[in-house]
Each structure stands twice: as C-alpha cells, then as structure tokens.
Amino acid sequence: MFRWLVLALTLCIVFAAQAADFSLREEVNRSWTHECVTFPLTAAQQQAAQAGRPLLDDAGNPVVYQVFTGTDGKARIAFQTDLTPLATRAFTFAAAGKAEIATDLKIEDTAAGIRLTNGQTGILLAKAPAEGHGPIAGIRLRSGKWAGGSRLTSDVPVTTYSVKVTARGPVFTEAVCTVAFGENGT
C-alpha cells in the first residue's frame, strides 16, 4: 500500500512540474497562423523570463517571446503561434538554458524619422512633420519601395508633436505619435 501511495505522489509531482505555463484552445473551428498572443505573468513566470529561460512549445521547440508592461501596469508576455481548428497548444518555460532571440524587426532612428520595419513591410514616422503632413511619412511596400504618407487637415494648427518608441521587439515593436492642436492642446 505504501508503494502505491509513493507512486501516486511521484506521478502528481511529475505532472505538476510539467504543467503548462500558458495554454491556448481553439474553439471556433478556425485556423490561426502567426498570431501574436499575450498572457499576464505570475511572479515565477516573470522570474523565468527575466532569467532568459527558453519558452518551449508543446513539441519542445523554442518560441521567441517578449515581456512588456500591459495597460494595467502589470508584466505580460507576448509570442507568436499557430493554432489549428479545435486544437490545444501548451507553452512552458524550460527549467534551464538561455532563450535565443531571432527576429527580423528593426528600428532605425534617422534624421527624417523613426523606421519600424520587418522582412515584409515597414512604416516611417516623421520626427517633425511639415505643415499639413501627418505622422506617417511613408510605408515600405513588399517590393522594398517606400510610398504614401499622411496629412492632417484642420482649421486648428498643430501646437505640439512627438513620436516615441515604446516597444522594441523581438515579437513586436510599437511607437506612439502624439499630436496636440490649438492653444489648449486638444
């Protein structure tokens, strides 16, 4: 009897140690590819991420991840995944090792503005748009050519403008452009 109790406790410990940190379940019978998903982090998960431990998918393959602060001020993790119809995927921090960071995201700070690019496309955000021009100074097409732009049309003049990079990859980059109009900055 004692042996069965020890075996049962051992199995419980093994299964608890292998529990997924993050789990996704597809319930609308649809395929999802290259989707960026985010989860809040527990203290233990945040510690694993800060230590640079690899995040492994259910097949044991490393997954590139990024830790960021959510709108609620709490730590979150972001990573990309695929999910087939009605499937469940599990992701777990490895017990040891260092995560490899591979990304094609680039941030370039140029005289004209800030370029956020990847292997497919890009956006150029103006540092100081000319009168009547908006924050978007160009979009890189798949061909590599830059095109387009943006305009701001208002009877009220722009009084302040700023652009700031708020996330630097490797899963996503983000920049915030702030524009204020008129004497009251509305």
C-alpha atoms as a PDB file:
ATOM      1  CA  MET A   1       0.000   0.000   0.000  1.00  0.00           C
ATOM      2  CA  PHE A   2       2.796   2.372   0.914  1.00  0.00           C
ATOM      3  CA  ARG A   3       4.438   1.787  -2.524  1.00  0.00           C
ATOM      4  CA  TRP A   4       1.217   2.809  -4.316  1.00  0.00           C
ATOM      5  CA  LEU A   5       0.990   5.975  -2.262  1.00  0.00           C
ATOM      6  CA  VAL A   6       4.613   6.880  -3.084  1.00  0.00           C
ATOM      7  CA  LEU A   7       3.995   6.138  -6.789  1.00  0.00           C
ATOM      8  CA  ALA A   8       0.829   8.261  -6.822  1.00  0.00           C
ATOM      9  CA  LEU A   9       2.588  11.184  -5.122  1.00  0.00           C
ATOM     10  CA  THR A  10       5.537  10.886  -7.502  1.00  0.00           C
ATOM     11  CA  LEU A  11       3.221  10.974 -10.532  1.00  0.00           C
ATOM     12  CA  CYS A  12       1.425  14.032  -9.108  1.00  0.00           C
ATOM     13  CA  ILE A  13       4.730  15.832  -8.666  1.00  0.00           C
ATOM     14  CA  VAL A  14       5.905  14.913 -12.195  1.00  0.00           C
ATOM     15  CA  PHE A  15       2.639  16.077 -13.776  1.00  0.00           C
ATOM     16  CA  ALA A  16       2.637  19.273 -11.695  1.00  0.00           C
ATOM     17  CA  ALA A  17       6.201  20.030 -12.794  1.00  0.00           C
ATOM     18  CA  GLN A  18       5.173  19.591 -16.421  1.00  0.00           C
ATOM     19  CA  ALA A  19       2.077  21.788 -16.246  1.00  0.00           C
ATOM     20  CA  ALA A  20       1.987  24.388 -18.983  1.00  0.00           C
ATOM     21  CA  ASP A  21       2.709  27.988 -18.135  1.00  0.00           C
ATOM     22  CA  PHE A  22       0.429  29.118 -20.978  1.00  0.00           C
ATOM     23  CA  SER A  23      -2.305  27.216 -22.772  1.00  0.00           C
ATOM     24  CA  LEU A  24      -4.412  28.071 -25.827  1.00  0.00           C
ATOM     25  CA  ARG A  25      -7.516  26.260 -27.003  1.00  0.00           C
ATOM     26  CA  GLU A  26      -9.164  26.936 -30.377  1.00  0.00           C
ATOM     27  CA  GLU A  27     -12.947  26.764 -30.060  1.00  0.00           C
ATOM     28  CA  VAL A  28     -14.390  28.337 -33.227  1.00  0.00           C
ATOM     29  CA  ASN A  29     -13.114  25.707 -35.711  1.00  0.00           C
ATOM     30  CA  ARG A  30     -10.762  28.100 -37.492  1.00  0.00           C
ATOM     31  CA  SER A  31      -7.050  28.012 -38.368  1.00  0.00           C
ATOM     32  CA  TRP A  32      -4.887  30.762 -36.913  1.00  0.00           C
ATOM     33  CA  THR A  33      -1.357  31.436 -38.203  1.00  0.00           C
ATOM     34  CA  HIS A  34       1.377  33.727 -36.900  1.00  0.00           C
ATOM     35  CA  GLU A  35      -0.946  35.147 -34.253  1.00  0.00           C
ATOM     36  CA  CYS A  36       0.528  37.322 -31.526  1.00  0.00           C
ATOM     37  CA  VAL A  37      -0.913  36.235 -28.188  1.00  0.00           C
ATOM     38  CA  THR A  38      -0.364  37.764 -24.763  1.00  0.00           C
ATOM     39  CA  PHE A  39      -0.737  36.456 -21.228  1.00  0.00           C
ATOM     40  CA  PRO A  40      -0.272  38.022 -17.791  1.00  0.00           C
ATOM     41  CA  LEU A  41       2.800  36.743 -15.962  1.00  0.00           C
ATOM     42  CA  THR A  42       2.880  35.250 -12.494  1.00  0.00           C
ATOM     43  CA  ALA A  43       5.866  36.151 -10.308  1.00  0.00           C
ATOM     44  CA  ALA A  44       7.506  32.775 -11.089  1.00  0.00           C
ATOM     45  CA  GLN A  45       6.959  33.208 -14.846  1.00  0.00           C
ATOM     46  CA  GLN A  46       8.320  36.749 -14.735  1.00  0.00           C
ATOM     47  CA  GLN A  47      11.407  35.467 -12.925  1.00  0.00           C
ATOM     48  CA  ALA A  48      11.904  32.764 -15.597  1.00  0.00           C
ATOM     49  CA  ALA A  49      11.580  35.365 -18.366  1.00  0.00           C
ATOM     50  CA  GLN A  50      13.979  37.774 -16.636  1.00  0.00           C
ATOM     51  CA  ALA A  51      16.475  34.928 -16.327  1.00  0.00           C
ATOM     52  CA  GLY A  52      16.222  34.495 -20.102  1.00  0.00           C
ATOM     53  CA  ARG A  53      14.976  30.915 -19.901  1.00  0.00           C
ATOM     54  CA  PRO A  54      13.606  29.476 -23.158  1.00  0.00           C
ATOM     55  CA  LEU A  55       9.869  29.233 -23.702  1.00  0.00           C
ATOM     56  CA  LEU A  56       9.073  25.840 -25.264  1.00  0.00           C
ATOM     57  CA  ASP A  57       6.004  24.849 -27.254  1.00  0.00           C
ATOM     58  CA  ASP A  58       4.246  21.511 -26.810  1.00  0.00           C
ATOM     59  CA  ALA A  59       6.722  19.864 -29.212  1.00  0.00           C
ATOM     60  CA  GLY A  60       9.710  21.153 -27.212  1.00  0.00           C
ATOM     61  CA  ASN A  61      10.667  23.815 -29.772  1.00  0.00           C
ATOM     62  CA  PRO A  62      11.840  27.213 -28.508  1.00  0.00           C
ATOM     63  CA  VAL A  63       9.464  30.138 -29.076  1.00  0.00           C
ATOM     64  CA  VAL A  64      10.645  33.749 -29.249  1.00  0.00           C
ATOM     65  CA  TYR A  65       8.903  35.859 -26.616  1.00  0.00           C
ATOM     66  CA  GLN A  66       8.810  39.400 -25.335  1.00  0.00           C
ATOM     67  CA  VAL A  67       7.934  40.730 -21.895  1.00  0.00           C
ATOM     68  CA  PHE A  68       6.179  44.092 -21.718  1.00  0.00           C
ATOM     69  CA  THR A  69       4.068  46.145 -19.369  1.00  0.00           C
ATOM     70  CA  GLY A  70       0.350  45.922 -20.080  1.00  0.00           C
ATOM     71  CA  THR A  71      -2.109  48.806 -19.919  1.00  0.00           C
ATOM     72  CA  ASP A  72      -2.895  47.683 -16.364  1.00  0.00           C
ATOM     73  CA  GLY A  73       0.753  48.245 -15.369  1.00  0.00           C
ATOM     74  CA  LYS A  74       1.432  44.521 -14.916  1.00  0.00           C
ATOM     75  CA  ALA A  75       4.007  42.339 -16.681  1.00  0.00           C
ATOM     76  CA  ARG A  76       2.781  40.376 -19.704  1.00  0.00           C
ATOM     77  CA  ILE A  77       4.370  38.009 -22.216  1.00  0.00           C
ATOM     78  CA  ALA A  78       3.813  38.088 -25.977  1.00  0.00           C
ATOM     79  CA  PHE A  79       4.702  35.418 -28.518  1.00  0.00           C
ATOM     80  CA  GLN A  80       3.510  34.225 -31.920  1.00  0.00           C
ATOM     81  CA  THR A  81       1.868  30.891 -32.553  1.00  0.00           C
ATOM     82  CA  ASP A  82      -0.256  28.888 -34.953  1.00  0.00           C
ATOM     83  CA  LEU A  83      -3.406  27.083 -33.864  1.00  0.00           C
ATOM     84  CA  THR A  84      -5.345  24.545 -35.906  1.00  0.00           C
ATOM     85  CA  PRO A  85      -9.127  24.110 -35.587  1.00  0.00           C
ATOM     86  CA  LEU A  86     -10.216  22.759 -32.189  1.00  0.00           C
ATOM     87  CA  ALA A  87      -6.599  22.207 -31.103  1.00  0.00           C
ATOM     88  CA  THR A  88      -4.928  22.965 -27.795  1.00  0.00           C
ATOM     89  CA  ARG A  89      -1.358  24.280 -27.543  1.00  0.00           C
ATOM     90  CA  ALA A  90       0.773  24.465 -24.413  1.00  0.00           C
ATOM     91  CA  PHE A  91       3.867  26.561 -23.725  1.00  0.00           C
ATOM     92  CA  THR A  92       6.243  26.125 -20.794  1.00  0.00           C
ATOM     93  CA  PHE A  93       9.407  27.813 -19.600  1.00  0.00           C
ATOM     94  CA  ALA A  94      12.369  25.426 -19.693  1.00  0.00           C
ATOM     95  CA  ALA A  95      13.944  24.557 -16.354  1.00  0.00           C
ATOM     96  CA  ALA A  96      17.321  25.908 -17.538  1.00  0.00           C
ATOM     97  CA  GLY A  97      19.121  27.381 -20.519  1.00  0.00           C
ATOM     98  CA  LYS A  98      19.068  30.694 -22.335  1.00  0.00           C
ATOM     99  CA  ALA A  99      16.462  31.789 -24.874  1.00  0.00           C
ATOM    100  CA  GLU A 100      17.712  32.517 -28.373  1.00  0.00           C
ATOM    101  CA  ILE A 101      16.366  35.774 -29.768  1.00  0.00           C
ATOM    102  CA  ALA A 102      15.825  35.809 -33.519  1.00  0.00           C
ATOM    103  CA  THR A 103      13.738  38.484 -35.174  1.00  0.00           C
ATOM    104  CA  ASP A 104      13.582  40.480 -38.374  1.00  0.00           C
ATOM    105  CA  LEU A 105      12.132  43.523 -36.612  1.00  0.00           C
ATOM    106  CA  LYS A 106      14.272  46.646 -36.956  1.00  0.00           C
ATOM    107  CA  ILE A 107      14.040  50.134 -35.523  1.00  0.00           C
ATOM    108  CA  GLU A 108      16.054  52.816 -37.309  1.00  0.00           C
ATOM    109  CA  ASP A 109      16.345  56.333 -35.957  1.00  0.00           C
ATOM    110  CA  THR A 110      17.032  58.602 -38.948  1.00  0.00           C
ATOM    111  CA  ALA A 111      17.041  62.369 -39.466  1.00  0.00           C
ATOM    112  CA  ALA A 112      13.640  62.127 -41.166  1.00  0.00           C
ATOM    113  CA  GLY A 113      12.003  59.943 -38.570  1.00  0.00           C
ATOM    114  CA  ILE A 114      11.738  56.548 -36.974  1.00  0.00           C
ATOM    115  CA  ARG A 115      11.508  53.490 -39.221  1.00  0.00           C
ATOM    116  CA  LEU A 116       9.859  50.348 -37.909  1.00  0.00           C
ATOM    117  CA  THR A 117      10.466  47.504 -40.377  1.00  0.00           C
ATOM    118  CA  ASN A 118      10.455  43.745 -40.787  1.00  0.00           C
ATOM    119  CA  GLY A 119      11.080  41.406 -43.722  1.00  0.00           C
ATOM    120  CA  GLN A 120       7.687  42.220 -45.253  1.00  0.00           C
ATOM    121  CA  THR A 121       6.859  45.877 -44.687  1.00  0.00           C
ATOM    122  CA  GLY A 122       7.652  48.988 -42.697  1.00  0.00           C
ATOM    123  CA  ILE A 123       6.435  52.377 -41.574  1.00  0.00           C
ATOM    124  CA  LEU A 124       8.311  55.682 -41.328  1.00  0.00           C
ATOM    125  CA  LEU A 125       7.047  58.005 -38.614  1.00  0.00           C
ATOM    126  CA  ALA A 126       8.096  61.633 -39.051  1.00  0.00           C
ATOM    127  CA  LYS A 127      10.022  63.313 -36.251  1.00  0.00           C
ATOM    128  CA  ALA A 128       8.828  66.762 -37.290  1.00  0.00           C
ATOM    129  CA  PRO A 129       6.139  66.637 -39.975  1.00  0.00           C
ATOM    130  CA  ALA A 130       5.914  69.618 -42.320  1.00  0.00           C
ATOM    131  CA  GLU A 131       2.799  71.772 -42.018  1.00  0.00           C
ATOM    132  CA  GLY A 132      -0.254  69.812 -43.139  1.00  0.00           C
ATOM    133  CA  HIS A 133       1.588  66.488 -43.073  1.00  0.00           C
ATOM    134  CA  GLY A 134       0.668  63.736 -40.649  1.00  0.00           C
ATOM    135  CA  PRO A 135       2.805  61.376 -38.580  1.00  0.00           C
ATOM    136  CA  ILE A 136       3.079  58.662 -41.248  1.00  0.00           C
ATOM    137  CA  ALA A 137       5.815  59.759 -43.646  1.00  0.00           C
ATOM    138  CA  GLY A 138       5.854  56.525 -45.656  1.00  0.00           C
ATOM    139  CA  ILE A 139       5.068  52.844 -45.851  1.00  0.00           C
ATOM    140  CA  ARG A 140       7.527  50.299 -47.197  1.00  0.00           C
ATOM    141  CA  LEU A 141       5.911  48.001 -49.701  1.00  0.00           C
ATOM    142  CA  ARG A 142       6.790  44.343 -50.095  1.00  0.00           C
ATOM    143  CA  SER A 143       8.879  45.332 -53.131  1.00  0.00           C
ATOM    144  CA  GLY A 144      11.103  47.386 -50.806  1.00  0.00           C
ATOM    145  CA  LYS A 145       9.934  50.746 -52.226  1.00  0.00           C
ATOM    146  CA  TRP A 146       8.618  53.419 -49.898  1.00  0.00           C
ATOM    147  CA  ALA A 147       5.281  55.031 -50.761  1.00  0.00           C
ATOM    148  CA  GLY A 148       2.485  57.094 -49.306  1.00  0.00           C
ATOM    149  CA  GLY A 149       2.342  59.367 -46.331  1.00  0.00           C
ATOM    150  CA  SER A 150      -0.341  61.114 -44.330  1.00  0.00           C
ATOM    151  CA  ARG A 151      -1.919  64.520 -43.989  1.00  0.00           C
ATOM    152  CA  LEU A 152      -3.518  66.389 -41.132  1.00  0.00           C
ATOM    153  CA  THR A 153      -6.272  68.741 -42.227  1.00  0.00           C
ATOM    154  CA  SER A 154      -7.670  71.023 -39.580  1.00  0.00           C
ATOM    155  CA  ASP A 155      -8.543  74.664 -39.145  1.00  0.00           C
ATOM    156  CA  VAL A 156      -6.773  74.473 -35.780  1.00  0.00           C
ATOM    157  CA  PRO A 157      -2.964  74.477 -36.005  1.00  0.00           C
ATOM    158  CA  VAL A 158      -0.761  71.722 -34.589  1.00  0.00           C
ATOM    159  CA  THR A 159       0.910  73.104 -31.456  1.00  0.00           C
ATOM    160  CA  THR A 160       2.966  70.100 -30.331  1.00  0.00           C
ATOM    161  CA  TYR A 161       4.004  66.802 -31.872  1.00  0.00           C
ATOM    162  CA  SER A 162       6.136  63.919 -30.628  1.00  0.00           C
ATOM    163  CA  VAL A 163       6.973  60.358 -31.590  1.00  0.00           C
ATOM    164  CA  LYS A 164       8.343  57.813 -29.129  1.00  0.00           C
ATOM    165  CA  VAL A 165       9.244  54.129 -29.478  1.00  0.00           C
ATOM    166  CA  THR A 166       7.513  52.251 -26.658  1.00  0.00           C
ATOM    167  CA  ALA A 167       8.310  48.587 -27.519  1.00  0.00           C
ATOM    168  CA  ARG A 168      11.459  47.239 -29.191  1.00  0.00           C
ATOM    169  CA  GLY A 169      10.773  43.603 -30.061  1.00  0.00           C
ATOM    170  CA  PRO A 170      11.609  40.804 -30.676  1.00  0.00           C
ATOM    171  CA  VAL A 171       7.896  39.917 -31.080  1.00  0.00           C
ATOM    172  CA  PHE A 172       6.500  43.385 -31.785  1.00  0.00           C
ATOM    173  CA  THR A 173       7.609  46.984 -31.999  1.00  0.00           C
ATOM    174  CA  GLU A 174       5.438  49.938 -31.132  1.00  0.00           C
ATOM    175  CA  ALA A 175       5.662  53.695 -31.445  1.00  0.00           C
ATOM    176  CA  VAL A 176       3.268  56.341 -30.185  1.00  0.00           C
ATOM    177  CA  CYS A 177       2.754  59.626 -32.018  1.00  0.00           C
ATOM    178  CA  THR A 178       1.146  62.413 -30.002  1.00  0.00           C
ATOM    179  CA  VAL A 179      -0.333  65.466 -31.715  1.00  0.00           C
ATOM    180  CA  ALA A 180      -1.903  68.448 -29.938  1.00  0.00           C
ATOM    181  CA  PHE A 181      -3.971  71.103 -31.698  1.00  0.00           C
ATOM    182  CA  GLY A 182      -4.686  74.704 -30.781  1.00  0.00           C
ATOM    183  CA  GLU A 183      -3.963  76.820 -27.730  1.00  0.00           C
ATOM    184  CA  ASN A 184      -5.457  74.280 -25.313  1.00  0.00           C
ATOM    185  CA  GLY A 185      -3.622  71.325 -26.849  1.00  0.00           C
ATOM    186  CA  THR A 186      -6.765  69.361 -27.625  1.00  0.00           C
END
